PDB file of N, CA and C in Angstrom:
ATOM      1  N   MET A   1     279.284 115.932  25.493  1.00  0.00           N
ATOM      2  CA  MET A   1     278.771 114.069  25.698  1.00  0.00           C
ATOM      3  C   MET A   1     278.223 113.764  24.815  1.00  0.00           C
ATOM      4  N   ALA A   2     278.208 112.720  24.911  1.00  0.00           N
ATOM      5  CA  ALA A   2     277.247 111.999  23.951  1.00  0.00           C
ATOM      6  C   ALA A   2     276.406 110.613  25.201  1.00  0.00           C
ATOM      7  N   ASN A   3     275.225 110.463  24.788  1.00  0.00           N
ATOM      8  CA  ASN A   3     275.112 108.281  25.327  1.00  0.00           C
ATOM      9  C   ASN A   3     275.154 107.934  24.342  1.00  0.00           C
ATOM     10  N   LEU A   4     275.695 106.609  24.866  1.00  0.00           N
ATOM     11  CA  LEU A   4     276.330 105.581  24.180  1.00  0.00           C
ATOM     12  C   LEU A   4     275.321 104.358  24.427  1.00  0.00           C
ATOM     13  N   GLY A   5     274.478 104.554  25.565  1.00  0.00           N
ATOM     14  CA  GLY A   5     273.901 103.367  25.611  1.00  0.00           C
ATOM     15  C   GLY A   5     273.345 103.450  27.094  1.00  0.00           C
ATOM     16  N   TRP A   6     272.575 101.942  27.199  1.00  0.00           N
ATOM     17  CA  TRP A   6     271.796 102.238  28.502  1.00  0.00           C
ATOM     18  C   TRP A   6     271.604 100.268  28.681  1.00  0.00           C
ATOM     19  N   ASP A   7     271.826 100.467  30.201  1.00  0.00           N
ATOM     20  CA  ASP A   7     272.235  98.614  30.404  1.00  0.00           C
ATOM     21  C   ASP A   7     271.598  98.158  31.896  1.00  0.00           C
ATOM     22  N   LYS A   8     271.263  97.037  31.909  1.00  0.00           N
ATOM     23  CA  LYS A   8     270.567  96.517  33.418  1.00  0.00           C
ATOM     24  C   LYS A   8     269.439  97.579  34.031  1.00  0.00           C
ATOM     25  N   VAL A   9     268.668  97.867  32.770  1.00  0.00           N
ATOM     26  CA  VAL A   9     267.532  98.718  33.857  1.00  0.00           C
ATOM     27  C   VAL A   9     266.549  97.789  34.293  1.00  0.00           C
ATOM     28  N   ARG A  10     265.985  98.451  35.115  1.00  0.00           N
ATOM     29  CA  ARG A  10     265.376  98.191  36.620  1.00  0.00           C
ATOM     30  C   ARG A  10     263.857  98.835  36.698  1.00  0.00           C
ATOM     31  N   LEU A  11     263.221  98.897  37.052  1.00  0.00           N
ATOM     32  CA  LEU A  11     261.834  99.225  37.267  1.00  0.00           C
ATOM     33  C   LEU A  11     261.375  98.418  38.851  1.00  0.00           C
ATOM     34  N   PRO A  12     262.077  98.685  40.154  1.00  0.00           N
ATOM     35  CA  PRO A  12     261.546  97.841  40.870  1.00  0.00           C
ATOM     36  C   PRO A  12     259.942  98.211  41.941  1.00  0.00           C
ATOM     37  N   ALA A  13     259.387  99.755  41.562  1.00  0.00           N
ATOM     38  CA  ALA A  13     258.787  99.819  42.311  1.00  0.00           C
ATOM     39  C   ALA A  13     257.589 100.827  41.362  1.00  0.00           C
ATOM     40  N   PRO A  14     256.424 101.030  41.315  1.00  0.00           N
ATOM     41  CA  PRO A  14     255.610 101.565  40.045  1.00  0.00           C
ATOM     42  C   PRO A  14     256.366 103.445  40.653  1.00  0.00           C
ATOM     43  N   VAL A  15     256.124 104.741  39.546  1.00  0.00           N
ATOM     44  CA  VAL A  15     256.251 105.665  39.686  1.00  0.00           C
ATOM     45  C   VAL A  15     254.929 106.424  39.373  1.00  0.00           C
ATOM     46  N   PHE A  16     253.648 107.118  40.384  1.00  0.00           N
ATOM     47  CA  PHE A  16     252.496 107.993  39.868  1.00  0.00           C
ATOM     48  C   PHE A  16     252.646 109.140  39.377  1.00  0.00           C
ATOM     49  N   GLU A  17     251.526 109.344  39.157  1.00  0.00           N
ATOM     50  CA  GLU A  17     251.507 110.706  38.443  1.00  0.00           C
ATOM     51  C   GLU A  17     251.191 111.589  40.223  1.00  0.00           C
ATOM     52  N   GLY A  18     252.056 112.763  39.992  1.00  0.00           N
ATOM     53  CA  GLY A  18     252.487 113.715  41.431  1.00  0.00           C
ATOM     54  C   GLY A  18     253.677 112.666  42.019  1.00  0.00           C
ATOM     55  N   ASP A  19     254.166 112.075  41.687  1.00  0.00           N
ATOM     56  CA  ASP A  19     255.596 111.166  43.004  1.00  0.00           C
ATOM     57  C   ASP A  19     256.814 112.784  41.999  1.00  0.00           C
ATOM     58  N   THR A  20     257.556 112.743  43.719  1.00  0.00           N
ATOM     59  CA  THR A  20     258.751 113.403  43.223  1.00  0.00           C
ATOM     60  C   THR A  20     259.993 112.515  43.103  1.00  0.00           C
ATOM     61  N   ILE A  21     260.986 112.854  41.693  1.00  0.00           N
ATOM     62  CA  ILE A  21     261.668 112.104  41.323  1.00  0.00           C
ATOM     63  C   ILE A  21     262.861 112.950  41.945  1.00  0.00           C
ATOM     64  N   TYR A  22     264.097 111.665  42.388  1.00  0.00           N
ATOM     65  CA  TYR A  22     265.316 112.111  42.901  1.00  0.00           C
ATOM     66  C   TYR A  22     266.365 111.083  42.640  1.00  0.00           C
ATOM     67  N   SER A  23     267.388 111.360  41.472  1.00  0.00           N
ATOM     68  CA  SER A  23     268.206 110.414  41.031  1.00  0.00           C
ATOM     69  C   SER A  23     270.098 111.348  41.558  1.00  0.00           C
ATOM     70  N   GLN A  24     270.681 109.866  42.303  1.00  0.00           N
ATOM     71  CA  GLN A  24     271.818 109.834  42.633  1.00  0.00           C
ATOM     72  C   GLN A  24     272.580 109.047  41.659  1.00  0.00           C
ATOM     73  N   SER A  25     273.700 109.484  40.955  1.00  0.00           N
ATOM     74  CA  SER A  25     274.838 108.489  40.006  1.00  0.00           C
ATOM     75  C   SER A  25     275.758 108.617  40.714  1.00  0.00           C
ATOM     76  N   GLN A  26     276.710 107.436  40.345  1.00  0.00           N
ATOM     77  CA  GLN A  26     277.987 106.888  41.416  1.00  0.00           C
ATOM     78  C   GLN A  26     278.982 106.587  39.658  1.00  0.00           C
ATOM     79  N   VAL A  27     280.447 107.314  39.245  1.00  0.00           N
ATOM     80  CA  VAL A  27     280.783 106.848  38.600  1.00  0.00           C
ATOM     81  C   VAL A  27     281.216 105.558  38.668  1.00  0.00           C
ATOM     82  N   VAL A  28     281.504 104.013  37.425  1.00  0.00           N
ATOM     83  CA  VAL A  28     281.271 103.044  38.197  1.00  0.00           C
ATOM     84  C   VAL A  28     282.898 102.719  37.465  1.00  0.00           C
ATOM     85  N   ALA A  29     282.910 103.732  36.014  1.00  0.00           N
ATOM     86  CA  ALA A  29     284.426 103.114  35.292  1.00  0.00           C
ATOM     87  C   ALA A  29     284.526 104.334  34.401  1.00  0.00           C
ATOM     88  N   ALA A  30     285.476 104.181  33.488  1.00  0.00           N
ATOM     89  CA  ALA A  30     286.071 105.126  33.329  1.00  0.00           C
ATOM     90  C   ALA A  30     287.543 104.816  32.689  1.00  0.00           C
ATOM     91  N   ARG A  31     287.561 105.072  30.832  1.00  0.00           N
ATOM     92  CA  ARG A  31     289.227 104.843  30.658  1.00  0.00           C
ATOM     93  C   ARG A  31     288.536 105.517  29.004  1.00  0.00           C
ATOM     94  N   PRO A  32     290.302 105.791  28.968  1.00  0.00           N
ATOM     95  CA  PRO A  32     290.164 106.887  27.554  1.00  0.00           C
ATOM     96  C   PRO A  32     289.586 105.965  26.035  1.00  0.00           C
ATOM     97  N   SER A  33     288.486 106.343  25.468  1.00  0.00           N
ATOM     98  CA  SER A  33     288.223 106.068  24.026  1.00  0.00           C
ATOM     99  C   SER A  33     289.459 105.318  22.746  1.00  0.00           C
ATOM    100  N   SER A  34     289.064 103.731  22.730  1.00  0.00           N
ATOM    101  CA  SER A  34     290.212 102.781  22.199  1.00  0.00           C
ATOM    102  C   SER A  34     289.622 103.629  20.243  1.00  0.00           C
ATOM    103  N   SER A  35     288.599 104.719  20.283  1.00  0.00           N
ATOM    104  CA  SER A  35     288.312 104.513  18.703  1.00  0.00           C
ATOM    105  C   SER A  35     288.085 106.394  18.124  1.00  0.00           C
ATOM    106  N   ARG A  36     288.393 107.203  19.739  1.00  0.00           N
ATOM    107  CA  ARG A  36     288.723 108.726  19.539  1.00  0.00           C
ATOM    108  C   ARG A  36     289.706 109.240  20.181  1.00  0.00           C
ATOM    109  N   PRO A  37     290.774 109.663  20.199  1.00  0.00           N
ATOM    110  CA  PRO A  37     291.228 110.190  20.594  1.00  0.00           C
ATOM    111  C   PRO A  37     290.836 111.077  20.971  1.00  0.00           C
ATOM    112  N   GLY A  38     290.909 111.892  22.673  1.00  0.00           N
ATOM    113  CA  GLY A  38     290.533 113.461  22.985  1.00  0.00           C
ATOM    114  C   GLY A  38     290.049 112.562  23.935  1.00  0.00           C
ATOM    115  N   VAL A  39     288.699 111.897  24.041  1.00  0.00           N
ATOM    116  CA  VAL A  39     287.724 111.707  24.543  1.00  0.00           C
ATOM    117  C   VAL A  39     287.618 110.142  25.304  1.00  0.00           C
ATOM    118  N   GLY A  40     286.770 110.429  26.656  1.00  0.00           N
ATOM    119  CA  GLY A  40     287.209 109.198  27.809  1.00  0.00           C
ATOM    120  C   GLY A  40     285.574 108.593  27.870  1.00  0.00           C
ATOM    121  N   ILE A  41     285.127 107.162  27.547  1.00  0.00           N
ATOM    122  CA  ILE A  41     283.996 106.597  28.323  1.00  0.00           C
ATOM    123  C   ILE A  41     283.810 106.354  29.367  1.00  0.00           C
ATOM    124  N   VAL A  42     282.499 106.401  29.769  1.00  0.00           N
ATOM    125  CA  VAL A  42     282.684 106.712  31.519  1.00  0.00           C
ATOM    126  C   VAL A  42     281.157 106.137  31.400  1.00  0.00           C
ATOM    127  N   THR A  43     281.157 105.080  32.561  1.00  0.00           N
ATOM    128  CA  THR A  43     279.873 104.593  32.801  1.00  0.00           C
ATOM    129  C   THR A  43     279.707 104.949  34.331  1.00  0.00           C
ATOM    130  N   VAL A  44     278.236 105.769  34.038  1.00  0.00           N
ATOM    131  CA  VAL A  44     277.464 105.866  35.126  1.00  0.00           C
ATOM    132  C   VAL A  44     276.457 104.859  36.311  1.00  0.00           C
ATOM    133  N   GLU A  45     276.432 104.384  37.365  1.00  0.00           N
ATOM    134  CA  GLU A  45     275.214 103.967  37.392  1.00  0.00           C
ATOM    135  C   GLU A  45     274.577 105.231  38.123  1.00  0.00           C
ATOM    136  N   THR A  46     273.072 104.842  38.590  1.00  0.00           N
ATOM    137  CA  THR A  46     271.968 105.759  38.143  1.00  0.00           C
ATOM    138  C   THR A  46     270.785 104.983  39.475  1.00  0.00           C
ATOM    139  N   THR A  47     270.307 105.493  40.281  1.00  0.00           N
ATOM    140  CA  THR A  47     269.619 104.941  41.254  1.00  0.00           C
ATOM    141  C   THR A  47     268.400 106.057  40.791  1.00  0.00           C
ATOM    142  N   GLY A  48     266.750 105.965  40.898  1.00  0.00           N
ATOM    143  CA  GLY A  48     265.715 106.709  40.802  1.00  0.00           C
ATOM    144  C   GLY A  48     265.438 106.629  42.412  1.00  0.00           C
ATOM    145  N   TYR A  49     264.996 107.602  42.654  1.00  0.00           N
ATOM    146  CA  TYR A  49     263.675 107.869  44.260  1.00  0.00           C
ATOM    147  C   TYR A  49     262.549 109.049  44.509  1.00  0.00           C
ATOM    148  N   ASN A  50     261.832 107.846  44.755  1.00  0.00           N
ATOM    149  CA  ASN A  50     260.565 109.307  45.027  1.00  0.00           C
ATOM    150  C   ASN A  50     260.398 109.654  45.991  1.00  0.00           C
ATOM    151  N   GLN A  51     259.666 110.258  46.663  1.00  0.00           N
ATOM    152  CA  GLN A  51     259.749 111.003  47.719  1.00  0.00           C
ATOM    153  C   GLN A  51     259.905 110.589  48.799  1.00  0.00           C
ATOM    154  N   GLN A  52     259.307 109.374  48.956  1.00  0.00           N
ATOM    155  CA  GLN A  52     259.680 108.114  49.935  1.00  0.00           C
ATOM    156  C   GLN A  52     260.617 107.660  50.002  1.00  0.00           C
ATOM    157  N   GLY A  53     261.770 107.680  49.006  1.00  0.00           N
ATOM    158  CA  GLY A  53     262.477 107.523  49.221  1.00  0.00           C
ATOM    159  C   GLY A  53     263.127 105.692  48.442  1.00  0.00           C
ATOM    160  N   THR A  54     261.685 105.169  48.062  1.00  0.00           N
ATOM    161  CA  THR A  54     262.095 103.954  47.714  1.00  0.00           C
ATOM    162  C   THR A  54     262.765 103.955  46.034  1.00  0.00           C
ATOM    163  N   PRO A  55     263.532 103.045  46.232  1.00  0.00           N
ATOM    164  CA  PRO A  55     263.811 102.891  44.503  1.00  0.00           C
ATOM    165  C   PRO A  55     262.774 103.094  44.072  1.00  0.00           C
ATOM    166  N   VAL A  56     262.766 103.328  42.646  1.00  0.00           N
ATOM    167  CA  VAL A  56     261.777 103.577  41.566  1.00  0.00           C
ATOM    168  C   VAL A  56     262.368 103.257  40.012  1.00  0.00           C
ATOM    169  N   ILE A  57     263.961 103.437  39.951  1.00  0.00           N
ATOM    170  CA  ILE A  57     265.085 102.642  38.744  1.00  0.00           C
ATOM    171  C   ILE A  57     266.102 102.834  39.311  1.00  0.00           C
ATOM    172  N   THR A  58     266.781 101.758  38.797  1.00  0.00           N
ATOM    173  CA  THR A  58     268.223 101.657  38.530  1.00  0.00           C
ATOM    174  C   THR A  58     268.826 101.172  36.894  1.00  0.00           C
ATOM    175  N   PHE A  59     269.626 102.282  36.949  1.00  0.00           N
ATOM    176  CA  PHE A  59     270.148 101.743  35.344  1.00  0.00           C
ATOM    177  C   PHE A  59     272.283 102.095  35.732  1.00  0.00           C
ATOM    178  N   GLU A  60     272.601 101.408  34.587  1.00  0.00           N
ATOM    179  CA  GLU A  60     274.283 101.999  34.575  1.00  0.00           C
ATOM    180  C   GLU A  60     273.757 102.576  32.701  1.00  0.00           C
ATOM    181  N   ARG A  61     274.577 104.028  32.461  1.00  0.00           N
ATOM    182  CA  ARG A  61     274.781 104.711  30.780  1.00  0.00           C
ATOM    183  C   ARG A  61     276.378 104.955  30.895  1.00  0.00           C
ATOM    184  N   THR A  62     276.723 104.703  29.651  1.00  0.00           N
ATOM    185  CA  THR A  62     277.847 105.099  29.142  1.00  0.00           C
ATOM    186  C   THR A  62     277.487 106.240  28.070  1.00  0.00           C
ATOM    187  N   VAL A  63     278.454 106.706  28.709  1.00  0.00           N
ATOM    188  CA  VAL A  63     278.892 108.268  27.621  1.00  0.00           C
ATOM    189  C   VAL A  63     280.013 107.994  27.376  1.00  0.00           C
ATOM    190  N   MET A  64     280.450 109.409  26.264  1.00  0.00           N
ATOM    191  CA  MET A  64     281.187 109.664  25.728  1.00  0.00           C
ATOM    192  C   MET A  64     281.411 111.615  25.984  1.00  0.00           C
ATOM    193  N   VAL A  65     282.908 111.308  26.578  1.00  0.00           N
ATOM    194  CA  VAL A  65     282.357 112.586  27.324  1.00  0.00           C
ATOM    195  C   VAL A  65     283.929 113.502  27.051  1.00  0.00           C
ATOM    196  N   TYR A  66     284.331 114.182  27.137  1.00  0.00           N
ATOM    197  CA  TYR A  66     285.567 115.208  26.917  1.00  0.00           C
ATOM    198  C   TYR A  66     286.524 115.386  28.651  1.00  0.00           C
ATOM    199  N   PRO A  67     287.457 114.628  27.915  1.00  0.00           N
ATOM    200  CA  PRO A  67     287.974 115.295  29.698  1.00  0.00           C
ATOM    201  C   PRO A  67     288.707 116.964  29.791  1.00  0.00           C
ATOM    202  N   ARG A  68     288.790 116.602  31.284  1.00  0.00           N
ATOM    203  CA  ARG A  68     288.974 118.005  31.307  1.00  0.00           C
ATOM    204  C   ARG A  68     289.859 118.725  30.731  1.00  0.00           C
ATOM    205  N   ASP A  69     289.733 119.565  31.022  1.00  0.00           N
ATOM    206  CA  ASP A  69     290.350 120.533  30.285  1.00  0.00           C
ATOM    207  C   ASP A  69     290.727 120.042  28.053  1.00  0.00           C
ATOM    208  N   HIS A  70     290.003 119.697  27.437  1.00  0.00           N
ATOM    209  CA  HIS A  70     291.005 118.768  26.401  1.00  0.00           C
ATOM    210  C   HIS A  70     288.950 119.288  25.345  1.00  0.00           C
ATOM    211  N   ALA A  71     288.100 119.946  25.737  1.00  0.00           N
ATOM    212  CA  ALA A  71     286.482 120.300  25.064  1.00  0.00           C
ATOM    213  C   ALA A  71     287.528 121.175  24.240  1.00  0.00           C
ATOM    214  N   PRO A  72     286.881 120.804  23.252  1.00  0.00           N
ATOM    215  CA  PRO A  72     287.344 121.872  22.124  1.00  0.00           C
ATOM    216  C   PRO A  72     286.921 123.651  22.309  1.00  0.00           C
ATOM    217  N   HIS A  73     287.005 124.678  21.582  1.00  0.00           N
ATOM    218  CA  HIS A  73     286.877 125.795  22.444  1.00  0.00           C
ATOM    219  C   HIS A  73     285.597 126.304  21.513  1.00  0.00           C
ATOM    220  N   ARG A  74     284.156 126.706  22.039  1.00  0.00           N
ATOM    221  CA  ARG A  74     283.456 127.501  21.239  1.00  0.00           C
ATOM    222  C   ARG A  74     283.291 128.774  22.004  1.00  0.00           C
ATOM    223  N   PRO A  75     282.893 130.036  21.384  1.00  0.00           N
ATOM    224  CA  PRO A  75     283.426 131.664  21.381  1.00  0.00           C
ATOM    225  C   PRO A  75     281.957 131.738  21.817  1.00  0.00           C
ATOM    226  N   THR A  76     281.928 132.620  22.946  1.00  0.00           N
ATOM    227  CA  THR A  76     281.182 132.848  23.351  1.00  0.00           C
ATOM    228  C   THR A  76     279.728 133.878  22.780  1.00  0.00           C
ATOM    229  N   PRO A  77     278.747 133.207  22.489  1.00  0.00           N
ATOM    230  CA  PRO A  77     278.513 134.910  21.867  1.00  0.00           C
ATOM    231  C   PRO A  77     277.597 135.749  22.170  1.00  0.00           C
ATOM    232  N   ALA A  78     277.422 137.158  21.351  1.00  0.00           N
ATOM    233  CA  ALA A  78     277.634 138.384  22.176  1.00  0.00           C
ATOM    234  C   ALA A  78     276.669 138.850  22.323  1.00  0.00           C
ATOM    235  N   LEU A  79     276.030 139.564  23.208  1.00  0.00           N
ATOM    236  CA  LEU A  79     274.622 139.312  24.209  1.00  0.00           C
ATOM    237  C   LEU A  79     274.216 140.770  23.732  1.00  0.00           C
ATOM    238  N   ASP A  80     272.679 140.989  22.707  1.00  0.00           N
ATOM    239  CA  ASP A  80     272.502 141.580  22.861  1.00  0.00           C
ATOM    240  C   ASP A  80     272.312 142.614  23.830  1.00  0.00           C
ATOM    241  N   THR A  81     272.840 144.225  23.714  1.00  0.00           N
ATOM    242  CA  THR A  81     272.881 144.844  25.119  1.00  0.00           C
ATOM    243  C   THR A  81     271.240 145.481  24.688  1.00  0.00           C
ATOM    244  N   GLY A  82     270.844 145.580  23.680  1.00  0.00           N
ATOM    245  CA  GLY A  82     269.554 146.494  23.296  1.00  0.00           C
ATOM    246  C   GLY A  82     269.866 147.813  23.230  1.00  0.00           C
ATOM    247  N   ALA A  83     270.855 148.359  22.932  1.00  0.00           N
ATOM    248  CA  ALA A  83     271.256 149.422  22.640  1.00  0.00           C
ATOM    249  C   ALA A  83     270.905 150.067  21.029  1.00  0.00           C
TER     250      ALA A  83
END
């Protein structure tokens, strides 16, 4: 996965030391890449909330991803058993 950009960034409320931030994301668009066969471009809308449920950030991000079952194979490294 590679981030291609952020857009529509908004900071509607402040964040303070000690706040806990939660996020929720939703896919708003997906398409095949026009310049890179075998990958897709996905746009995700994300909202971050503080512990009171107040939105503290909203943004859209665009990412390049491999479609399901199309990621390149990477061998699993051997585990060191200590023997």
